[in-house]
Protein backbone atom coordinates (compact mmCIF):
# COMPACT_ATOMS: atom_id res chain seq x y z
CA MET A 1 44.79 90.98 204.13
CA HIS A 2 43.41 89.56 207.37
CA PRO A 3 42.15 86.17 208.61
CA MET A 4 38.72 87.71 209.33
CA HIS A 5 38.06 87.83 205.57
CA PHE A 6 38.88 84.15 205.09
CA ALA A 7 36.67 83.32 208.07
CA LYS A 8 33.79 84.57 205.92
CA THR A 9 34.83 83.12 202.56
CA HIS A 10 36.55 79.89 203.67
CA PRO A 11 35.43 79.29 207.28
CA ASP A 12 36.37 75.61 207.39
CA LYS A 13 39.79 76.00 205.78
CA PRO A 14 42.63 75.26 208.24
CA ALA A 15 44.39 78.45 209.27
CA TYR A 16 47.08 76.30 210.86
CA ILE A 17 47.83 72.72 211.82
CA MET A 18 50.18 71.70 214.63
CA ALA A 19 52.62 69.23 213.07
CA GLY A 20 53.06 67.00 216.11
CA SER A 21 49.58 66.81 217.62
CA GLY A 22 47.67 67.40 214.40
CA GLU A 23 45.43 69.95 216.14
CA THR A 24 43.76 72.09 213.49
CA VAL A 25 42.38 75.60 213.90
CA THR A 26 40.18 76.84 211.06
CA PHE A 27 39.93 80.43 209.90
CA ALA A 28 36.47 80.65 211.49
CA GLU A 29 37.83 79.38 214.81
CA LEU A 30 40.87 81.69 214.68
CA ASN A 31 38.64 84.67 213.98
CA ALA A 32 36.14 83.84 216.74
CA ARG A 33 38.77 83.09 219.37
CA SER A 34 40.87 86.17 218.59
CA ASN A 35 37.70 88.26 218.92
CA GLN A 36 36.97 86.68 222.29
CA ILE A 37 40.48 87.31 223.56
CA ALA A 38 40.35 90.91 222.30
CA HIS A 39 37.22 91.38 224.41
CA ALA A 40 39.05 89.86 227.37
CA PHE A 41 41.87 92.39 226.88
CA ARG A 42 39.38 95.25 227.00
CA THR A 43 37.68 93.78 230.08
CA LEU A 44 41.08 93.75 231.75
CA GLY A 45 41.48 97.44 230.88
CA LEU A 46 44.04 97.11 228.11
CA GLN A 47 43.67 99.87 225.52
CA ALA A 48 45.39 100.68 222.23
CA GLY A 49 49.11 101.20 222.83
CA ASP A 50 49.27 98.96 225.91
CA THR A 51 51.52 95.93 226.07
CA LEU A 52 51.18 92.24 226.89
CA ALA A 53 53.81 89.50 227.00
CA ILE A 54 53.62 85.92 225.70
CA PHE A 55 55.94 83.31 227.23
CA ALA A 56 55.20 80.04 225.48
CA GLU A 57 56.45 77.25 223.29
CA ASN A 58 54.89 76.74 219.88
CA SER A 59 51.22 76.17 220.65
CA ALA A 60 47.87 76.17 218.89
CA ARG A 61 46.96 79.08 221.17
CA TYR A 62 49.85 81.29 220.08
CA PHE A 63 48.24 82.86 217.05
CA GLU A 64 44.88 83.25 218.75
CA ILE A 65 46.64 85.58 221.18
CA CYS A 66 48.71 87.40 218.55
CA TRP A 67 45.74 88.09 216.29
CA ALA A 68 43.69 89.22 219.30
CA ALA A 69 46.41 91.74 220.19
CA GLN A 70 46.74 92.77 216.54
CA ARG A 71 43.04 93.63 216.32
CA ALA A 72 42.99 95.34 219.74
CA GLY A 73 45.79 97.83 219.01
CA LEU A 74 48.19 96.25 221.48
CA TYR A 75 51.90 95.57 221.48
CA PHE A 76 52.59 91.86 221.95
CA VAL A 77 56.01 90.93 223.30
CA CYS A 78 57.04 87.38 222.42
CA ILE A 79 59.54 86.07 224.99
CA SER A 80 61.94 83.22 224.28
CA SER A 81 60.86 79.99 225.94
CA ARG A 82 64.49 79.33 226.87
CA LEU A 83 64.92 82.27 229.22
CA THR A 84 65.32 82.17 232.98
CA THR A 85 63.12 83.97 235.50
CA PRO A 86 65.42 87.03 235.80
CA GLU A 87 65.55 87.34 232.00
CA VAL A 88 61.77 87.09 231.70
CA GLU A 89 61.40 89.61 234.52
CA TYR A 90 63.73 92.04 232.74
CA ILE A 91 61.76 91.92 229.47
CA ILE A 92 58.38 92.23 231.21
CA LYS A 93 59.51 95.26 233.19
CA ASP A 94 61.45 96.86 230.35
CA SER A 95 58.54 96.51 227.91
CA GLY A 96 55.94 97.82 230.35
CA ALA A 97 53.76 94.74 229.88
CA ARG A 98 50.54 94.72 231.92
CA LEU A 99 49.64 91.07 231.23
CA LEU A 100 51.64 87.85 230.99
CA ILE A 101 50.30 84.82 229.14
CA ALA A 102 52.44 81.72 229.74
CA SER A 103 52.22 78.08 228.68
CA ALA A 104 52.04 75.34 231.27
CA GLY A 105 55.09 73.68 229.75
CA LEU A 106 57.13 76.62 231.06
CA LYS A 107 55.56 76.75 234.51
CA ALA A 108 58.84 76.09 236.31
CA VAL A 109 59.90 79.60 235.30
CA ALA A 110 56.48 81.20 234.85
CA GLU A 111 55.21 80.46 238.36
CA GLU A 112 58.12 82.49 239.79
CA VAL A 113 57.31 85.59 237.73
CA PRO A 114 54.38 86.92 239.85
CA SER A 115 56.72 87.17 242.84
CA VAL A 116 59.05 89.55 240.99
CA THR A 117 56.52 91.53 238.90
CA GLU A 118 53.27 93.38 239.52
CA LEU A 119 51.00 92.93 236.50
CA ASP A 120 47.26 93.37 236.02
CA ALA A 121 46.81 89.67 235.31
CA TYR A 122 48.60 86.37 234.68
CA TRP A 123 46.93 83.93 232.28
CA SER A 124 47.98 80.38 231.38
CA ILE A 125 47.48 78.27 228.26
CA ASP A 126 47.75 74.52 227.62
CA GLY A 127 47.34 73.65 231.29
CA ARG A 128 47.44 75.16 234.75
CA ILE A 129 50.13 77.28 236.38
CA GLU A 130 49.99 78.20 240.06
CA GLY A 131 48.82 81.80 240.39
CA PHE A 132 47.65 82.04 236.74
CA GLU A 133 44.09 82.06 235.41
CA PRO A 134 43.51 79.68 232.46
CA LEU A 135 42.98 81.74 229.30
CA GLU A 136 40.65 79.12 227.87
CA GLY A 137 38.17 79.88 230.67
CA VAL A 138 38.58 83.63 230.31
CA ARG A 139 38.03 83.37 226.57
CA ALA A 140 34.92 81.20 226.83
CA ALA A 141 33.01 83.92 228.69
CA MET A 142 33.52 86.48 225.92
CA PRO A 143 31.53 87.19 222.72
CA GLU A 144 32.83 86.01 219.35
CA THR A 145 31.98 89.31 217.63
CA PRO A 146 34.63 92.01 217.05
CA ILE A 147 35.34 94.61 219.73
CA ALA A 148 33.82 98.03 218.96
CA ASP A 149 37.14 99.88 218.79
CA GLU A 150 39.33 97.65 216.63
CA ARG A 151 42.70 99.17 215.77
CA ALA A 152 45.84 97.59 214.35
CA GLY A 153 48.46 96.57 216.91
CA THR A 154 51.91 95.15 216.30
CA ASP A 155 54.70 93.08 217.79
CA MET A 156 57.36 94.44 220.10
CA LEU A 157 60.28 92.06 219.91
CA TYR A 158 63.60 91.82 221.70
CA SER A 159 66.83 91.09 219.92
CA SER A 160 68.22 87.71 220.86
CA GLY A 161 71.09 89.18 222.85
CA THR A 162 73.93 87.47 221.00
CA THR A 163 76.21 90.40 221.82
CA GLY A 164 74.72 91.61 225.07
CA ARG A 165 71.46 92.22 226.91
CA PRO A 166 68.34 91.98 224.71
CA LYS A 167 67.20 95.22 223.10
CA GLY A 168 63.49 95.98 222.83
CA ILE A 169 62.30 97.24 219.45
CA ARG A 170 59.07 99.22 219.86
CA PRO A 171 57.90 100.67 216.55
CA PRO A 172 55.07 103.18 216.41
CA LEU A 173 51.65 101.60 215.91
CA PRO A 174 50.77 101.37 212.21
CA GLU A 175 49.77 104.72 210.72
CA ASP A 176 46.79 103.06 209.06
CA PRO A 177 44.72 101.80 212.00
CA SER A 178 42.74 99.35 209.82
CA ILE A 179 43.44 95.83 211.02
CA ASP A 180 43.47 94.53 207.43
CA ALA A 181 45.84 97.16 206.02
CA SER A 182 48.85 95.92 204.09
CA SER A 183 52.43 96.27 205.34
CA THR A 184 55.90 96.40 203.86
CA LEU A 185 56.45 92.72 204.63
CA ASN A 186 53.11 91.78 203.03
CA GLN A 187 54.04 93.69 199.89
CA LEU A 188 57.49 92.08 199.75
CA ALA A 189 56.03 88.62 200.33
CA GLY A 190 53.51 89.09 197.57
CA ALA A 191 56.12 90.37 195.12
CA LEU A 192 59.04 88.05 195.90
CA PHE A 193 57.74 84.99 197.73
CA LYS A 194 55.38 83.87 194.93
CA VAL A 195 52.49 83.72 197.39
CA SER A 196 49.10 82.38 196.32
CA PRO A 197 45.93 81.90 198.44
CA ASP A 198 46.16 78.11 198.17
CA GLY A 199 49.72 77.97 199.52
CA ILE A 200 50.87 75.72 202.37
CA TYR A 201 53.49 77.31 204.62
CA LEU A 202 55.72 75.16 206.86
CA SER A 203 57.21 76.90 209.90
CA PRO A 204 59.95 74.91 211.69
CA ALA A 205 61.16 77.55 214.15
CA PRO A 206 60.07 79.05 217.49
CA LEU A 207 57.23 81.52 217.05
CA TYR A 208 58.68 83.99 219.54
CA HIS A 209 61.39 84.86 217.02
CA ALA A 210 60.81 87.74 214.59
CA ALA A 211 61.08 85.92 211.26
CA PRO A 212 58.83 82.91 212.02
CA LEU A 213 56.25 85.09 213.76
CA ARG A 214 56.06 87.74 211.05
CA TRP A 215 56.21 85.38 208.09
CA CYS A 216 53.51 83.17 209.60
CA MET A 217 51.19 86.10 210.24
CA SER A 218 51.86 87.47 206.74
CA MET A 219 51.08 84.12 205.12
CA THR A 220 47.86 83.91 207.16
CA LYS A 221 46.90 87.32 205.75
CA PHE A 222 47.20 85.77 202.28
CA GLY A 223 44.91 82.89 203.29
CA ASN A 224 47.62 80.24 203.43
CA THR A 225 47.43 77.24 205.73
CA LEU A 226 50.34 77.08 208.19
CA ILE A 227 51.97 73.86 209.36
CA ILE A 228 53.60 74.64 212.70
CA MET A 229 56.34 72.35 213.98
CA GLU A 230 56.54 72.22 217.75
CA LYS A 231 60.28 71.61 217.39
CA PHE A 232 62.52 71.20 214.37
CA ASP A 233 63.52 67.69 213.39
CA PRO A 234 65.23 67.29 210.01
CA GLU A 235 63.50 64.11 208.88
CA GLN A 236 60.08 65.20 210.18
CA PHE A 237 60.52 68.46 208.26
CA LEU A 238 61.00 66.57 205.00
CA ALA A 239 58.10 64.25 205.78
CA LEU A 240 55.82 67.23 206.38
CA ILE A 241 56.71 68.74 203.00
CA GLU A 242 55.61 65.51 201.34
CA LYS A 243 52.52 64.98 203.51
CA TYR A 244 51.04 68.46 203.11
CA LYS A 245 52.56 69.32 199.71
CA VAL A 246 54.20 72.37 201.27
CA THR A 247 54.77 75.27 198.89
CA HIS A 248 56.62 77.78 201.09
CA THR A 249 58.90 77.64 204.10
CA GLN A 250 61.47 79.69 205.97
CA LEU A 251 64.60 78.18 207.55
CA VAL A 252 68.03 78.96 208.95
CA PRO A 253 71.32 77.49 207.64
CA THR A 254 71.79 75.13 210.59
CA MET A 255 68.59 73.39 209.50
CA PHE A 256 70.10 72.91 206.03
CA VAL A 257 73.19 71.36 207.62
CA LYS A 258 71.12 68.95 209.73
CA MET A 259 69.11 67.81 206.72
CA LEU A 260 72.21 67.38 204.56
CA LYS A 261 73.79 65.22 207.26
CA LEU A 262 70.90 62.76 207.26
CA PRO A 263 71.76 59.39 205.67
CA GLU A 264 71.31 59.76 201.93
CA ASP A 265 68.61 57.09 201.70
CA VAL A 266 66.60 58.93 204.38
CA ARG A 267 67.15 62.36 202.88
CA LEU A 268 66.16 61.42 199.35
CA LYS A 269 63.10 59.29 200.07
CA TYR A 270 60.82 62.29 200.60
CA ASP A 271 59.17 64.19 197.74
CA VAL A 272 59.93 67.92 198.05
CA SER A 273 58.86 68.84 194.52
CA SER A 274 55.88 70.88 195.80
CA LEU A 275 58.23 73.61 197.09
CA VAL A 276 57.88 76.94 195.33
CA SER A 277 60.04 79.05 197.64
CA ALA A 278 62.27 78.22 200.59
CA ILE A 279 63.65 81.32 202.26
CA HIS A 280 66.60 81.28 204.63
CA ALA A 281 68.02 84.04 206.80
CA ALA A 282 69.19 84.83 210.38
CA ALA A 283 72.78 83.64 209.86
CA PRO A 284 75.28 83.41 206.98
CA CYS A 285 75.07 80.19 204.95
CA PRO A 286 78.31 78.45 203.98
CA ILE A 287 78.67 78.32 200.20
CA PRO A 288 79.08 74.50 199.99
CA VAL A 289 75.93 74.04 202.08
CA LYS A 290 73.84 76.29 199.84
CA GLU A 291 75.26 74.68 196.70
CA GLN A 292 74.12 71.29 197.93
CA MET A 293 70.67 72.60 198.86
CA ILE A 294 70.09 74.14 195.41
CA GLU A 295 71.29 70.93 193.76
CA TRP A 296 68.87 68.93 195.94
CA TRP A 297 65.76 71.16 195.99
CA GLY A 298 66.29 73.06 192.76
CA PRO A 299 66.24 76.87 192.26
CA VAL A 300 63.66 77.47 195.01
CA ILE A 301 66.18 78.62 197.63
CA GLU A 302 65.92 82.33 198.38
CA GLU A 303 67.71 84.41 200.98
CA TYR A 304 67.35 87.75 202.66
CA TYR A 305 69.35 89.85 205.08
CA ALA A 306 67.44 91.96 207.60
CA GLY A 307 66.92 92.35 211.33
CA SER A 308 64.08 92.55 213.81
CA GLU A 309 64.61 96.30 213.64
CA GLY A 310 63.07 96.46 210.16
CA ASN A 311 65.44 99.19 208.96
CA GLY A 312 66.37 97.54 205.65
CA MET A 313 66.43 94.33 203.66
CA THR A 314 68.31 92.61 200.85
CA TRP A 315 67.10 89.65 198.78
CA ILE A 316 68.64 87.09 196.42
CA ASN A 317 67.16 84.12 194.55
CA SER A 318 68.90 80.93 193.48
CA GLU A 319 69.73 82.09 189.96
CA GLN A 320 71.30 85.32 191.23
CA TRP A 321 73.18 83.51 193.98
CA LEU A 322 74.73 80.97 191.62
CA THR A 323 76.43 83.87 189.82
CA HIS A 324 77.18 85.74 193.08
CA LYS A 325 78.01 82.93 195.48
CA GLY A 326 78.14 84.02 199.10
CA SER A 327 76.04 87.14 198.55
CA VAL A 328 72.91 87.97 200.55
CA GLY A 329 71.54 89.97 197.65
CA LEU A 330 70.55 93.39 196.44
CA PRO A 331 68.70 95.95 198.58
CA ILE A 332 64.92 95.79 198.17
CA PHE A 333 64.11 98.01 201.14
CA GLY A 334 66.51 100.83 201.98
CA GLU A 335 69.76 101.80 200.29
CA LEU A 336 73.12 100.25 201.17
CA HIS A 337 76.13 102.15 202.46
CA ILE A 338 79.41 100.50 203.51
CA CYS A 339 81.43 102.70 205.84
CA ASP A 340 84.75 102.68 207.68
CA GLU A 341 85.24 103.44 211.37
CA SER A 342 85.02 107.18 210.76
CA GLY A 343 81.75 106.83 208.85
CA LYS A 344 83.26 107.46 205.42
CA GLU A 345 81.96 105.23 202.62
CA VAL A 346 84.57 102.75 201.41
CA PRO A 347 85.29 101.69 197.81
CA VAL A 348 83.52 98.79 196.13
CA GLY A 349 84.93 95.47 197.34
CA GLU A 350 86.23 96.84 200.63
CA ALA A 351 84.70 95.64 203.91
CA GLY A 352 83.09 98.03 206.35
CA GLN A 353 80.08 98.51 208.58
CA ILE A 354 76.75 98.01 206.80
CA TYR A 355 74.24 100.86 206.97
CA PHE A 356 70.75 101.08 205.48
CA GLY A 357 69.67 104.56 204.43
CA GLY A 358 66.36 106.10 203.51
CA THR A 359 64.38 104.12 206.09
CA ASN A 360 63.22 104.69 209.64
CA PRO A 361 66.14 103.97 212.01
CA PRO A 362 65.49 101.54 214.88
CA LYS A 363 64.50 102.86 218.26
CA TYR A 364 65.54 100.66 221.16
CA HIS A 365 63.07 100.87 224.01
CA ASN A 366 64.43 102.59 227.13
CA ASP A 367 67.92 102.69 225.66
CA PRO A 368 68.80 105.97 223.91
CA GLU A 369 72.49 105.04 223.86
CA LYS A 370 71.81 101.89 221.83
CA THR A 371 69.54 103.89 219.56
CA LYS A 372 72.25 106.49 219.04
CA GLY A 373 74.86 103.78 218.54
CA ALA A 374 72.91 102.33 215.62
CA LEU A 375 72.99 105.63 213.73
CA HIS A 376 75.62 106.84 211.30
CA PRO A 377 77.62 109.75 212.76
CA ASP A 378 76.69 112.09 209.89
CA HIS A 379 73.37 110.80 208.52
CA ASP A 380 70.34 110.54 210.78
CA ASP A 381 68.48 108.23 208.39
CA TRP A 382 71.37 105.73 208.03
CA SER A 383 71.31 102.93 210.60
CA SER A 384 73.22 99.71 211.18
CA LEU A 385 72.62 96.32 212.76
CA GLY A 386 76.32 96.20 213.62
CA ASP A 387 77.31 93.85 210.81
CA VAL A 388 80.34 94.06 208.54
CA GLY A 389 80.22 93.43 204.81
CA LYS A 390 81.13 94.58 201.32
CA VAL A 391 79.40 95.13 197.98
CA ASP A 392 80.58 94.14 194.53
CA GLU A 393 80.41 96.24 191.37
CA GLU A 394 76.83 95.14 190.72
CA GLY A 395 75.70 96.19 194.21
CA TYR A 396 75.37 92.70 195.72
CA LEU A 397 76.03 92.58 199.45
CA TYR A 398 78.36 90.04 201.06
CA LEU A 399 78.37 89.67 204.84
CA THR A 400 81.75 89.40 206.49
CA ASP A 401 80.82 89.15 210.15
CA ARG A 402 79.21 90.87 213.09
CA LYS A 403 81.47 93.73 214.06
CA ALA A 404 81.54 92.57 217.67
CA PHE A 405 83.07 89.22 216.67
CA MET A 406 85.90 90.50 214.50
CA ILE A 407 89.26 89.13 215.66
CA ILE A 408 92.28 91.44 215.67
CA SER A 409 95.46 89.36 215.69
CA GLY A 410 98.75 91.15 215.31
CA GLY A 411 96.91 94.13 213.85
CA VAL A 412 95.20 91.98 211.19
CA ASN A 413 91.38 91.94 211.06
CA ILE A 414 90.08 88.38 210.86
CA TYR A 415 86.41 87.60 210.31
CA PRO A 416 85.65 84.19 211.87
CA GLN A 417 82.73 83.43 209.56
CA GLU A 418 85.16 82.31 206.87
CA ALA A 419 86.68 79.57 209.03
CA GLU A 420 83.26 78.60 210.38
CA ASN A 421 81.98 78.14 206.84
CA ILE A 422 84.84 75.71 206.14
CA LEU A 423 84.72 73.71 209.37
CA ILE A 424 80.95 73.14 209.36
CA THR A 425 81.35 71.14 206.13
CA HIS A 426 83.63 68.58 207.84
CA PRO A 427 81.66 65.32 208.36
CA ALA A 428 82.65 65.12 212.04
CA VAL A 429 81.38 68.64 212.87
CA ALA A 430 77.80 69.26 214.03
CA ASP A 431 78.34 72.91 214.98
CA VAL A 432 81.24 75.32 215.36
CA ALA A 433 82.12 78.73 216.76
CA VAL A 434 85.35 80.46 215.76
CA ILE A 435 86.40 83.11 218.24
CA GLY A 436 89.32 85.27 219.28
CA VAL A 437 91.04 84.30 222.53
CA PRO A 438 93.80 86.14 224.41
CA ASN A 439 97.36 85.85 223.11
CA GLU A 440 100.19 87.70 224.85
CA GLU A 441 102.13 88.29 221.63
CA PHE A 442 99.39 89.02 219.09
CA GLY A 443 96.62 90.29 221.36
CA GLU A 444 94.22 87.64 220.08
CA GLU A 445 94.55 84.32 218.36
CA VAL A 446 91.94 82.30 216.49
CA LYS A 447 90.33 79.31 218.20
CA ALA A 448 87.60 76.94 217.03
CA VAL A 449 85.15 75.49 219.53
CA VAL A 450 83.58 72.46 217.88
CA GLN A 451 80.50 70.42 218.70
CA PRO A 452 81.19 66.96 217.26
CA MET A 453 78.55 64.89 215.52
CA ASP A 454 76.71 62.38 217.71
CA GLY A 455 78.96 59.38 218.34
CA VAL A 456 82.15 61.27 217.42
CA GLU A 457 84.73 61.78 220.15
CA GLY A 458 86.61 65.07 220.42
CA THR A 459 90.18 63.77 220.34
CA ASP A 460 93.55 65.37 219.70
CA GLU A 461 93.64 63.51 216.40
CA LEU A 462 90.33 65.04 215.33
CA ALA A 463 91.54 68.49 216.36
CA GLU A 464 94.64 68.10 214.17
CA ASP A 465 92.52 66.86 211.30
CA LEU A 466 90.21 69.89 211.56
CA LEU A 467 93.13 72.32 211.59
CA ALA A 468 94.58 70.71 208.48
CA TYR A 469 91.15 70.64 206.83
CA CYS A 470 90.76 74.37 207.33
CA GLN A 471 94.30 75.24 206.24
CA GLU A 472 93.80 73.32 202.99
CA ARG A 473 90.88 75.59 202.13
CA LEU A 474 91.67 78.96 203.70
CA ALA A 475 94.65 81.23 204.30
CA LYS A 476 96.48 80.00 207.37
CA ILE A 477 96.25 83.38 209.12
CA LYS A 478 92.44 83.05 209.01
CA CYS A 479 92.43 79.51 210.39
CA PRO A 480 92.22 78.46 214.04
CA ARG A 481 95.47 77.78 215.82
CA SER A 482 93.72 75.40 218.21
CA VAL A 483 90.48 73.47 218.62
CA ASP A 484 88.44 72.81 221.74
CA PHE A 485 85.39 70.56 221.90
CA ASP A 486 81.99 71.24 223.41
CA PRO A 487 79.17 68.67 223.52
CA ALA A 488 76.55 71.38 222.87
CA LEU A 489 77.25 74.91 221.71
CA PRO A 490 74.81 77.54 223.02
CA ARG A 491 72.87 78.00 219.78
CA HIS A 492 69.37 79.45 219.84
CA PRO A 493 66.62 77.37 218.15
CA THR A 494 66.25 80.23 215.65
CA GLY A 495 69.78 79.56 214.41
CA LYS A 496 71.65 82.34 216.18
CA LEU A 497 74.75 81.32 218.10
CA TYR A 498 75.37 82.93 221.48
CA LYS A 499 79.01 83.41 220.61
CA ARG A 500 79.42 85.89 223.44
CA LEU A 501 78.91 83.04 225.92
CA VAL A 502 81.58 80.97 224.20
CA ARG A 503 84.04 83.87 224.13
CA ASP A 504 83.45 84.74 227.78
CA ARG A 505 84.88 81.38 228.86
CA TYR A 506 88.26 82.44 227.54
CA TRP A 507 88.29 86.14 228.37
CA GLY A 508 87.00 85.86 231.92
CA ASN A 509 86.70 89.23 233.65
CA LYS A 510 88.94 91.20 231.30
CA ASP A 511 87.64 94.73 230.77
CA SER A 512 88.32 94.62 227.04
CA ARG A 513 88.20 91.93 224.38
CA ILE A 514 90.22 94.02 221.94
CA VAL A 515 93.88 93.96 222.85
């Protein structure tokens, strides 16, 4: 369960291939380079339990750094490449990072960081950054043998901040210090993901995000070859499946939508029959979208619900989903509890806040209030990601919405996901956010902010058409009363929508968004 083993048994096998450049790193090269970087960490004075930060786009150097930190007992903080200098500064300081490694493609932000932080060192990859020392040179001076005091490290990731400032999740270092010890995710992958050592795993998302990072490292532990896309493109994604005979992949629903909206002759010309399992997560998937994907790819679509916090997980395969459409599955890690505002469990079929019990609750770094807020008022081992959902009589979970985005209009609770799931299927819609906006009579009213497809103009006629389209398919009270257009909604490459930013345009400086 570690690339070092495959470096011995299959040294020339590609550990990963960069989809755009074609650069290939073998297991032997990954092992040697991660050893060298681990030595460099020790030379810098970093010891087990210390922290470093990575600020980079998808790069062939990314996993060399992560595996070096993993075998040196360090926490590695993966920072979004889309953040500004103050946001990067906040995460570096909040995490206690002693080292920043940044890619030259982000130098416009990275070169400002030394002026607002005081770290032990600043290293660059993939080119030069003013004030940074190139990691490639640092690495070259180090031995390729393992460090003497190897100990398993782990990631320390920050939530994407869709509802506020990012929250750092700093788990304890693994109890088993062996760098090749198994983990819960490895065990789940082996049991549910149909993993085999000859698998080919295609990763289309930014590596700084929890799911792509963790799934990629887990698949490497199984000896799979990774195909890393520098940036998602729907047609390139399909072409890569055919070219490399991809067996496994992990996506988000917006990627499904983009592929389904390709011209049919383009979409269907690629052979995707090699796929064994295609997982999706991170955001709810509209039922019509998933139906089309299963019809196209076959029963290889699988879904899970979980968070970076690692406090619980549900899972559902295609066969289960087709008889429980809209569900995110049954719990496979942790037990489900659906509770009302007072913390009392609600009856089957009734919506409430989702809690996972019987697992370690999340601990948000430097934020005891957020940690406390995630806990159930009466059960210390029940914790929540803040989402709302319900379970059916068979125990399948259905997400309703994030609690923070619930709209209260005239005393009626409205969950915008339902309208979003309808509107995204309209051929003129590329993306959509349904939000609550101020209304003097009802407190809030429902509004849709729509990103039209390329070449489509956001006209009054289109707005009327979208309203009618929604009302034909959903109760009128749940539908938007108005539509605004935005050329580009603030959606993260990982699939998460920064709905808070959209809502803020309409609420301004109001102290409360619940009227």
